[in-house]
PDB file of N, CA and C in Angstrom:
ATOM      1  N   UNK A   1       0.829  -1.197   0.000  1.00  0.00           N
ATOM      2  CA  UNK A   1       0.000   0.000   0.000  1.00  0.00           C
ATOM      3  C   UNK A   1       0.866   1.250   0.000  1.00  0.00           C
ATOM      4  N   UNK A   2       1.900   1.234   0.828  1.00  0.00           N
ATOM      5  CA  UNK A   2       2.799   2.385   0.931  1.00  0.00           C
ATOM      6  C   UNK A   2       3.535   2.599  -0.392  1.00  0.00           C
ATOM      7  N   UNK A   3       3.890   1.529  -1.097  1.00  0.00           N
ATOM      8  CA  UNK A   3       4.588   1.623  -2.369  1.00  0.00           C
ATOM      9  C   UNK A   3       3.686   2.235  -3.438  1.00  0.00           C
ATOM     10  N   UNK A   4       2.382   1.949  -3.424  1.00  0.00           N
ATOM     11  CA  UNK A   4       1.448   2.515  -4.380  1.00  0.00           C
ATOM     12  C   UNK A   4       1.319   4.032  -4.213  1.00  0.00           C
ATOM     13  N   UNK A   5       1.330   4.511  -2.979  1.00  0.00           N
ATOM     14  CA  UNK A   5       1.232   5.949  -2.717  1.00  0.00           C
ATOM     15  C   UNK A   5       2.490   6.660  -3.222  1.00  0.00           C
ATOM     16  N   UNK A   6       3.656   6.081  -2.964  1.00  0.00           N
ATOM     17  CA  UNK A   6       4.916   6.676  -3.420  1.00  0.00           C
ATOM     18  C   UNK A   6       4.961   6.679  -4.947  1.00  0.00           C
ATOM     19  N   UNK A   7       4.531   5.585  -5.566  1.00  0.00           N
ATOM     20  CA  UNK A   7       4.494   5.508  -7.026  1.00  0.00           C
ATOM     21  C   UNK A   7       3.540   6.545  -7.594  1.00  0.00           C
ATOM     22  N   UNK A   8       2.381   6.725  -6.982  1.00  0.00           N
ATOM     23  CA  UNK A   8       1.412   7.720  -7.425  1.00  0.00           C
ATOM     24  C   UNK A   8       1.979   9.135  -7.289  1.00  0.00           C
ATOM     25  N   UNK A   9       2.669   9.411  -6.202  1.00  0.00           N
ATOM     26  CA  UNK A   9       3.269  10.738  -6.002  1.00  0.00           C
ATOM     27  C   UNK A   9       4.324  11.003  -7.076  1.00  0.00           C
ATOM     28  N   UNK A  10       5.174  10.012  -7.338  1.00  0.00           N
ATOM     29  CA  UNK A  10       6.188  10.183  -8.379  1.00  0.00           C
ATOM     30  C   UNK A  10       5.552  10.326  -9.773  1.00  0.00           C
ATOM     31  N   UNK A  11       4.492   9.609 -10.036  1.00  0.00           N
ATOM     32  CA  UNK A  11       3.813   9.709 -11.331  1.00  0.00           C
ATOM     33  C   UNK A  11       3.218  11.099 -11.521  1.00  0.00           C
ATOM     34  N   UNK A  12       2.552  11.617 -10.476  1.00  0.00           N
ATOM     35  CA  UNK A  12       1.972  12.960 -10.562  1.00  0.00           C
ATOM     36  C   UNK A  12       3.076  13.996 -10.730  1.00  0.00           C
ATOM     37  N   UNK A  13       4.158  13.838  -9.991  1.00  0.00           N
ATOM     38  CA  UNK A  13       5.291  14.758 -10.089  1.00  0.00           C
ATOM     39  C   UNK A  13       5.911  14.702 -11.489  1.00  0.00           C
ATOM     40  N   UNK A  14       6.068  13.503 -12.017  1.00  0.00           N
ATOM     41  CA  UNK A  14       6.641  13.333 -13.350  1.00  0.00           C
ATOM     42  C   UNK A  14       5.744  13.955 -14.420  1.00  0.00           C
ATOM     43  N   UNK A  15       4.440  13.752 -14.328  1.00  0.00           N
ATOM     44  CA  UNK A  15       3.496  14.340 -15.286  1.00  0.00           C
ATOM     45  C   UNK A  15       3.520  15.874 -15.172  1.00  0.00           C
ATOM     46  N   UNK A  16       3.560  16.365 -13.949  1.00  0.00           N
ATOM     47  CA  UNK A  16       3.622  17.821 -13.746  1.00  0.00           C
ATOM     48  C   UNK A  16       4.875  18.428 -14.350  1.00  0.00           C
ATOM     49  N   UNK A  17       6.012  17.759 -14.146  1.00  0.00           N
ATOM     50  CA  UNK A  17       7.258  18.250 -14.741  1.00  0.00           C
ATOM     51  C   UNK A  17       7.221  18.189 -16.267  1.00  0.00           C
ATOM     52  N   UNK A  18       6.600  17.157 -16.800  1.00  0.00           N
ATOM     53  CA  UNK A  18       6.460  17.043 -18.260  1.00  0.00           C
ATOM     54  C   UNK A  18       5.599  18.153 -18.830  1.00  0.00           C
ATOM     55  N   UNK A  19       4.491  18.431 -18.163  1.00  0.00           N
ATOM     56  CA  UNK A  19       3.608  19.520 -18.617  1.00  0.00           C
ATOM     57  C   UNK A  19       4.337  20.855 -18.525  1.00  0.00           C
ATOM     58  N   UNK A  20       5.063  21.072 -17.444  1.00  0.00           N
ATOM     59  CA  UNK A  20       5.810  22.318 -17.282  1.00  0.00           C
ATOM     60  C   UNK A  20       6.909  22.447 -18.334  1.00  0.00           C
ATOM     61  N   UNK A  21       7.552  21.335 -18.679  1.00  0.00           N
ATOM     62  CA  UNK A  21       8.619  21.368 -19.675  1.00  0.00           C
ATOM     63  C   UNK A  21       8.083  21.732 -21.054  1.00  0.00           C
ATOM     64  N   UNK A  22       6.855  21.360 -21.343  1.00  0.00           N
ATOM     65  CA  UNK A  22       6.281  21.640 -22.662  1.00  0.00           C
ATOM     66  C   UNK A  22       5.582  22.990 -22.689  1.00  0.00           C
ATOM     67  N   UNK A  23       4.673  23.232 -21.757  1.00  0.00           N
ATOM     68  CA  UNK A  23       3.839  24.436 -21.806  1.00  0.00           C
ATOM     69  C   UNK A  23       4.249  25.535 -20.827  1.00  0.00           C
ATOM     70  N   UNK A  24       5.124  25.243 -19.908  1.00  0.00           N
ATOM     71  CA  UNK A  24       5.514  26.242 -18.924  1.00  0.00           C
ATOM     72  C   UNK A  24       6.414  27.316 -19.517  1.00  0.00           C
ATOM     73  N   UNK A  25       6.719  28.322 -18.699  1.00  0.00           N
ATOM     74  CA  UNK A  25       7.611  29.364 -19.198  1.00  0.00           C
ATOM     75  C   UNK A  25       8.989  28.760 -19.417  1.00  0.00           C
ATOM     76  N   UNK A  26       9.624  29.164 -20.487  1.00  0.00           N
ATOM     77  CA  UNK A  26      10.915  28.606 -20.917  1.00  0.00           C
ATOM     78  C   UNK A  26      10.788  27.137 -21.277  1.00  0.00           C
ATOM     79  N   UNK A  27       9.607  26.749 -21.702  1.00  0.00           N
ATOM     80  CA  UNK A  27       9.381  25.369 -22.109  1.00  0.00           C
ATOM     81  C   UNK A  27       9.617  25.178 -23.590  1.00  0.00           C
ATOM     82  N   UNK A  28       9.221  24.032 -24.080  1.00  0.00           N
ATOM     83  CA  UNK A  28       9.433  23.665 -25.475  1.00  0.00           C
ATOM     84  C   UNK A  28       8.719  24.612 -26.421  1.00  0.00           C
ATOM     85  N   UNK A  29       7.490  25.012 -26.097  1.00  0.00           N
ATOM     86  CA  UNK A  29       6.753  25.917 -26.977  1.00  0.00           C
ATOM     87  C   UNK A  29       7.428  27.286 -27.053  1.00  0.00           C
ATOM     88  N   UNK A  30       7.919  27.781 -25.923  1.00  0.00           N
ATOM     89  CA  UNK A  30       8.651  29.053 -25.933  1.00  0.00           C
ATOM     90  C   UNK A  30       9.921  28.926 -26.765  1.00  0.00           C
ATOM     91  N   UNK A  31      10.604  27.805 -26.647  1.00  0.00           N
ATOM     92  CA  UNK A  31      11.816  27.587 -27.426  1.00  0.00           C
ATOM     93  C   UNK A  31      11.510  27.608 -28.919  1.00  0.00           C
ATOM     94  N   UNK A  32      10.434  26.961 -29.323  1.00  0.00           N
ATOM     95  CA  UNK A  32      10.064  26.946 -30.738  1.00  0.00           C
ATOM     96  C   UNK A  32       9.693  28.345 -31.229  1.00  0.00           C
ATOM     97  N   UNK A  33       8.956  29.096 -30.405  1.00  0.00           N
ATOM     98  CA  UNK A  33       8.602  30.462 -30.788  1.00  0.00           C
ATOM     99  C   UNK A  33       9.839  31.352 -30.897  1.00  0.00           C
ATOM    100  N   UNK A  34      10.769  31.208 -29.954  1.00  0.00           N
ATOM    101  CA  UNK A  34      11.998  31.998 -30.006  1.00  0.00           C
ATOM    102  C   UNK A  34      12.843  31.628 -31.216  1.00  0.00           C
ATOM    103  N   UNK A  35      12.893  30.357 -31.550  1.00  0.00           N
ATOM    104  CA  UNK A  35      13.649  29.936 -32.734  1.00  0.00           C
ATOM    105  C   UNK A  35      13.021  30.503 -34.002  1.00  0.00           C
ATOM    106  N   UNK A  36      11.690  30.490 -34.078  1.00  0.00           N
ATOM    107  CA  UNK A  36      10.996  31.050 -35.238  1.00  0.00           C
ATOM    108  C   UNK A  36      11.268  32.556 -35.341  1.00  0.00           C
ATOM    109  N   UNK A  37      11.214  33.248 -34.213  1.00  0.00           N
ATOM    110  CA  UNK A  37      11.474  34.691 -34.193  1.00  0.00           C
ATOM    111  C   UNK A  37      12.931  34.971 -34.586  1.00  0.00           C
ATOM    112  N   UNK A  38      13.848  34.151 -34.115  1.00  0.00           N
ATOM    113  CA  UNK A  38      15.259  34.301 -34.463  1.00  0.00           C
ATOM    114  C   UNK A  38      15.478  34.117 -35.960  1.00  0.00           C
ATOM    115  N   UNK A  39      14.810  33.143 -36.559  1.00  0.00           N
ATOM    116  CA  UNK A  39      14.924  32.921 -38.005  1.00  0.00           C
ATOM    117  C   UNK A  39      14.368  34.102 -38.791  1.00  0.00           C
ATOM    118  N   UNK A  40      13.243  34.660 -38.323  1.00  0.00           N
ATOM    119  CA  UNK A  40      12.661  35.823 -38.999  1.00  0.00           C
ATOM    120  C   UNK A  40      13.598  37.025 -38.902  1.00  0.00           C
ATOM    121  N   UNK A  41      14.214  37.224 -37.726  1.00  0.00           N
ATOM    122  CA  UNK A  41      15.151  38.333 -37.568  1.00  0.00           C
ATOM    123  C   UNK A  41      16.396  38.139 -38.436  1.00  0.00           C
ATOM    124  N   UNK A  42      16.868  36.914 -38.540  1.00  0.00           N
ATOM    125  CA  UNK A  42      18.035  36.645 -39.377  1.00  0.00           C
ATOM    126  C   UNK A  42      17.717  36.916 -40.843  1.00  0.00           C
ATOM    127  N   UNK A  43      16.518  36.536 -41.282  1.00  0.00           N
ATOM    128  CA  UNK A  43      16.117  36.802 -42.665  1.00  0.00           C
ATOM    129  C   UNK A  43      16.025  38.309 -42.917  1.00  0.00           C
ATOM    130  N   UNK A  44      15.469  39.039 -41.968  1.00  0.00           N
ATOM    131  CA  UNK A  44      15.383  40.501 -42.113  1.00  0.00           C
ATOM    132  C   UNK A  44      16.769  41.124 -42.127  1.00  0.00           C
ATOM    133  N   UNK A  45      17.666  40.635 -41.259  1.00  0.00           N
ATOM    134  CA  UNK A  45      19.040  41.130 -41.239  1.00  0.00           C
ATOM    135  C   UNK A  45      19.713  40.914 -42.586  1.00  0.00           C
ATOM    136  N   UNK A  46      19.543  39.723 -43.158  1.00  0.00           N
ATOM    137  CA  UNK A  46      20.151  39.428 -44.455  1.00  0.00           C
ATOM    138  C   UNK A  46      19.594  40.346 -45.545  1.00  0.00           C
ATOM    139  N   UNK A  47      18.296  40.587 -45.490  1.00  0.00           N
ATOM    140  CA  UNK A  47      17.664  41.476 -46.472  1.00  0.00           C
ATOM    141  C   UNK A  47      18.217  42.895 -46.338  1.00  0.00           C
ATOM    142  N   UNK A  48      18.357  43.375 -45.111  1.00  0.00           N
ATOM    143  CA  UNK A  48      18.879  44.726 -44.892  1.00  0.00           C
ATOM    144  C   UNK A  48      20.355  44.832 -45.288  1.00  0.00           C
ATOM    145  N   UNK A  49      21.125  43.792 -45.037  1.00  0.00           N
ATOM    146  CA  UNK A  49      22.522  43.797 -45.465  1.00  0.00           C
ATOM    147  C   UNK A  49      22.635  43.856 -46.987  1.00  0.00           C
ATOM    148  N   UNK A  50      21.766  43.122 -47.668  1.00  0.00           N
ATOM    149  CA  UNK A  50      21.765  43.158 -49.139  1.00  0.00           C
ATOM    150  C   UNK A  50      21.359  44.540 -49.637  1.00  0.00           C
ATOM    151  N   UNK A  51      20.338  45.146 -49.008  1.00  0.00           N
ATOM    152  CA  UNK A  51      19.937  46.507 -49.369  1.00  0.00           C
ATOM    153  C   UNK A  51      21.092  47.476 -49.163  1.00  0.00           C
ATOM    154  N   UNK A  52      21.806  47.320 -48.064  1.00  0.00           N
ATOM    155  CA  UNK A  52      22.935  48.187 -47.765  1.00  0.00           C
ATOM    156  C   UNK A  52      24.027  48.038 -48.828  1.00  0.00           C
ATOM    157  N   UNK A  53      24.320  46.792 -49.226  1.00  0.00           N
ATOM    158  CA  UNK A  53      25.310  46.574 -50.282  1.00  0.00           C
ATOM    159  C   UNK A  53      24.868  47.220 -51.591  1.00  0.00           C
ATOM    160  N   UNK A  54      23.572  47.078 -51.917  1.00  0.00           N
ATOM    161  CA  UNK A  54      23.058  47.685 -53.145  1.00  0.00           C
ATOM    162  C   UNK A  54      23.178  49.204 -53.109  1.00  0.00           C
ATOM    163  N   UNK A  55      22.853  49.801 -51.956  1.00  0.00           N
ATOM    164  CA  UNK A  55      22.942  51.256 -51.833  1.00  0.00           C
ATOM    165  C   UNK A  55      24.389  51.733 -51.911  1.00  0.00           C
ATOM    166  N   UNK A  56      25.306  51.009 -51.278  1.00  0.00           N
ATOM    167  CA  UNK A  56      26.714  51.381 -51.363  1.00  0.00           C
ATOM    168  C   UNK A  56      27.228  51.283 -52.798  1.00  0.00           C
ATOM    169  N   UNK A  57      26.778  50.264 -53.501  1.00  0.00           N
ATOM    170  CA  UNK A  57      27.153  50.114 -54.902  1.00  0.00           C
ATOM    171  C   UNK A  57      26.590  51.263 -55.737  1.00  0.00           C
ATOM    172  N   UNK A  58      25.356  51.628 -55.457  1.00  0.00           N
ATOM    173  CA  UNK A  58      24.729  52.735 -56.199  1.00  0.00           C
ATOM    174  C   UNK A  58      25.452  54.052 -55.898  1.00  0.00           C
ATOM    175  N   UNK A  59      25.841  54.274 -54.653  1.00  0.00           N
ATOM    176  CA  UNK A  59      26.576  55.490 -54.291  1.00  0.00           C
ATOM    177  C   UNK A  59      27.901  55.540 -55.045  1.00  0.00           C
ATOM    178  N   UNK A  60      28.616  54.409 -55.064  1.00  0.00           N
ATOM    179  CA  UNK A  60      29.892  54.369 -55.773  1.00  0.00           C
ATOM    180  C   UNK A  60      29.690  54.633 -57.260  1.00  0.00           C
ATOM    181  N   UNK A  61      28.628  54.088 -57.809  1.00  0.00           N
ATOM    182  CA  UNK A  61      28.345  54.295 -59.232  1.00  0.00           C
ATOM    183  C   UNK A  61      27.965  55.739 -59.514  1.00  0.00           C
ATOM    184  N   UNK A  62      27.202  56.360 -58.617  1.00  0.00           N
ATOM    185  CA  UNK A  62      26.842  57.768 -58.798  1.00  0.00           C
ATOM    186  C   UNK A  62      28.078  58.663 -58.747  1.00  0.00           C
ATOM    187  N   UNK A  63      29.056  58.290 -57.928  1.00  0.00           N
ATOM    188  CA  UNK A  63      30.266  59.099 -57.816  1.00  0.00           C
ATOM    189  C   UNK A  63      31.208  58.927 -59.005  1.00  0.00           C
ATOM    190  N   UNK A  64      31.156  57.767 -59.657  1.00  0.00           N
ATOM    191  CA  UNK A  64      32.177  57.486 -60.669  1.00  0.00           C
ATOM    192  C   UNK A  64      31.646  57.311 -62.095  1.00  0.00           C
ATOM    193  N   UNK A  65      30.375  57.041 -62.275  1.00  0.00           N
ATOM    194  CA  UNK A  65      29.843  56.720 -63.607  1.00  0.00           C
ATOM    195  C   UNK A  65      28.951  57.859 -64.093  1.00  0.00           C
ATOM    196  N   UNK A  66      29.500  58.719 -64.948  1.00  0.00           N
ATOM    197  CA  UNK A  66      28.734  59.869 -65.441  1.00  0.00           C
ATOM    198  C   UNK A  66      27.558  59.453 -66.316  1.00  0.00           C
ATOM    199  N   UNK A  67      27.709  58.389 -67.110  1.00  0.00           N
ATOM    200  CA  UNK A  67      26.600  57.925 -67.950  1.00  0.00           C
ATOM    201  C   UNK A  67      25.418  57.471 -67.103  1.00  0.00           C
ATOM    202  N   UNK A  68      25.715  56.776 -66.029  1.00  0.00           N
ATOM    203  CA  UNK A  68      24.651  56.333 -65.122  1.00  0.00           C
ATOM    204  C   UNK A  68      23.958  57.529 -64.477  1.00  0.00           C
ATOM    205  N   UNK A  69      24.735  58.508 -64.065  1.00  0.00           N
ATOM    206  CA  UNK A  69      24.174  59.719 -63.464  1.00  0.00           C
ATOM    207  C   UNK A  69      23.287  60.458 -64.457  1.00  0.00           C
ATOM    208  N   UNK A  70      23.726  60.583 -65.692  1.00  0.00           N
ATOM    209  CA  UNK A  70      22.901  61.236 -66.719  1.00  0.00           C
ATOM    210  C   UNK A  70      21.622  60.463 -66.971  1.00  0.00           C
ATOM    211  N   UNK A  71      21.729  59.154 -67.003  1.00  0.00           N
ATOM    212  CA  UNK A  71      20.537  58.325 -67.217  1.00  0.00           C
ATOM    213  C   UNK A  71      19.507  58.550 -66.110  1.00  0.00           C
ATOM    214  N   UNK A  72      19.965  58.602 -64.860  1.00  0.00           N
ATOM    215  CA  UNK A  72      19.046  58.830 -63.744  1.00  0.00           C
ATOM    216  C   UNK A  72      18.420  60.221 -63.805  1.00  0.00           C
ATOM    217  N   UNK A  73      19.233  61.218 -64.126  1.00  0.00           N
ATOM    218  CA  UNK A  73      18.701  62.580 -64.221  1.00  0.00           C
ATOM    219  C   UNK A  73      17.650  62.658 -65.316  1.00  0.00           C
ATOM    220  N   UNK A  74      17.945  62.059 -66.430  1.00  0.00           N
ATOM    221  CA  UNK A  74      16.994  62.097 -67.550  1.00  0.00           C
ATOM    222  C   UNK A  74      15.727  61.319 -67.213  1.00  0.00           C
ATOM    223  N   UNK A  75      15.893  60.202 -66.561  1.00  0.00           N
ATOM    224  CA  UNK A  75      14.740  59.357 -66.227  1.00  0.00           C
ATOM    225  C   UNK A  75      13.877  59.981 -65.139  1.00  0.00           C
ATOM    226  N   UNK A  76      14.497  60.416 -64.052  1.00  0.00           N
ATOM    227  CA  UNK A  76      13.739  60.900 -62.892  1.00  0.00           C
ATOM    228  C   UNK A  76      13.235  62.327 -63.064  1.00  0.00           C
ATOM    229  N   UNK A  77      14.029  63.171 -63.697  1.00  0.00           N
ATOM    230  CA  UNK A  77      13.658  64.582 -63.800  1.00  0.00           C
ATOM    231  C   UNK A  77      13.113  64.965 -65.168  1.00  0.00           C
ATOM    232  N   UNK A  78      13.180  64.051 -66.121  1.00  0.00           N
ATOM    233  CA  UNK A  78      12.619  64.327 -67.439  1.00  0.00           C
ATOM    234  C   UNK A  78      13.494  65.230 -68.283  1.00  0.00           C
ATOM    235  N   UNK A  79      14.768  65.329 -67.982  1.00  0.00           N
ATOM    236  CA  UNK A  79      15.670  66.153 -68.774  1.00  0.00           C
ATOM    237  C   UNK A  79      15.959  65.461 -70.093  1.00  0.00           C
ATOM    238  N   UNK A  80      16.334  66.253 -71.077  1.00  0.00           N
ATOM    239  CA  UNK A  80      16.674  65.709 -72.384  1.00  0.00           C
ATOM    240  C   UNK A  80      17.914  66.418 -72.901  1.00  0.00           C
ATOM    241  N   UNK A  81      18.627  65.741 -73.740  1.00  0.00           N
ATOM    242  CA  UNK A  81      19.775  66.354 -74.399  1.00  0.00           C
ATOM    243  C   UNK A  81      19.248  67.314 -75.462  1.00  0.00           C
ATOM    244  N   UNK A  82      20.079  68.229 -75.923  1.00  0.00           N
ATOM    245  CA  UNK A  82      19.609  69.205 -76.920  1.00  0.00           C
ATOM    246  C   UNK A  82      19.101  68.561 -78.212  1.00  0.00           C
ATOM    247  N   UNK A  83      19.590  67.403 -78.595  1.00  0.00           N
ATOM    248  CA  UNK A  83      19.163  66.774 -79.851  1.00  0.00           C
ATOM    249  C   UNK A  83      18.045  65.748 -79.659  1.00  0.00           C
ATOM    250  N   UNK A  84      17.418  65.715 -78.498  1.00  0.00           N
ATOM    251  CA  UNK A  84      16.370  64.723 -78.218  1.00  0.00           C
ATOM    252  C   UNK A  84      15.022  65.403 -78.068  1.00  0.00           C
ATOM    253  N   UNK A  85      13.970  64.619 -78.342  1.00  0.00           N
ATOM    254  CA  UNK A  85      12.604  65.050 -78.097  1.00  0.00           C
ATOM    255  C   UNK A  85      12.035  64.174 -76.980  1.00  0.00           C
ATOM    256  N   UNK A  86      11.279  64.784 -76.103  1.00  0.00           N
ATOM    257  CA  UNK A  86      10.654  64.040 -75.013  1.00  0.00           C
ATOM    258  C   UNK A  86       9.154  64.033 -75.272  1.00  0.00           C
ATOM    259  N   UNK A  87       8.600  62.852 -75.384  1.00  0.00           N
ATOM    260  CA  UNK A  87       7.160  62.714 -75.561  1.00  0.00           C
ATOM    261  C   UNK A  87       6.557  62.351 -74.217  1.00  0.00           C
ATOM    262  N   UNK A  88       5.576  63.117 -73.815  1.00  0.00           N
ATOM    263  CA  UNK A  88       4.894  62.838 -72.555  1.00  0.00           C
ATOM    264  C   UNK A  88       3.452  62.471 -72.868  1.00  0.00           C
ATOM    265  N   UNK A  89       3.036  61.356 -72.306  1.00  0.00           N
ATOM    266  CA  UNK A  89       1.675  60.884 -72.502  1.00  0.00           C
ATOM    267  C   UNK A  89       0.938  60.979 -71.180  1.00  0.00           C
ATOM    268  N   UNK A  90      -0.301  61.439 -71.207  1.00  0.00           N
ATOM    269  CA  UNK A  90      -1.050  61.514 -69.947  1.00  0.00           C
ATOM    270  C   UNK A  90      -1.289  60.108 -69.396  1.00  0.00           C
ATOM    271  N   UNK A  91      -1.255  60.014 -68.096  1.00  0.00           N
ATOM    272  CA  UNK A  91      -1.521  58.728 -67.458  1.00  0.00           C
ATOM    273  C   UNK A  91      -3.009  58.441 -67.540  1.00  0.00           C
ATOM    274  N   UNK A  92      -3.323  57.181 -67.703  1.00  0.00           N
ATOM    275  CA  UNK A  92      -4.732  56.786 -67.760  1.00  0.00           C
ATOM    276  C   UNK A  92      -5.364  56.921 -66.402  1.00  0.00           C
ATOM    277  N   UNK A  93      -6.533  57.513 -66.362  1.00  0.00           N
ATOM    278  CA  UNK A  93      -7.262  57.600 -65.092  1.00  0.00           C
ATOM    279  C   UNK A  93      -8.258  56.456 -65.039  1.00  0.00           C
ATOM    280  N   UNK A  94      -8.336  55.854 -63.923  1.00  0.00           N
ATOM    281  CA  UNK A  94      -9.231  54.674 -63.789  1.00  0.00           C
ATOM    282  C   UNK A  94     -10.362  54.977 -62.890  1.00  0.00           C
TER     283      UNK A  94
END
């Protein structure tokens, strides 16, 4: 009889520890959520690093490539060379 009570106490304790390990704070579910959040942050970091590399490349090109600079000025500001015609079409309204 005494052995059954001790076994029952250990079983309840073991089940309680198992539940706490899975659903408790710092448990398995928290670990999975933190890992997912870490992966999302790493992906965002990689994206921002790539954007930074692209911007640095564009800055270097703006400083050294006059043809690229002229292309951007003509494209963004609508400038034209003296021997060119610029045709502007109205945007369609929907």
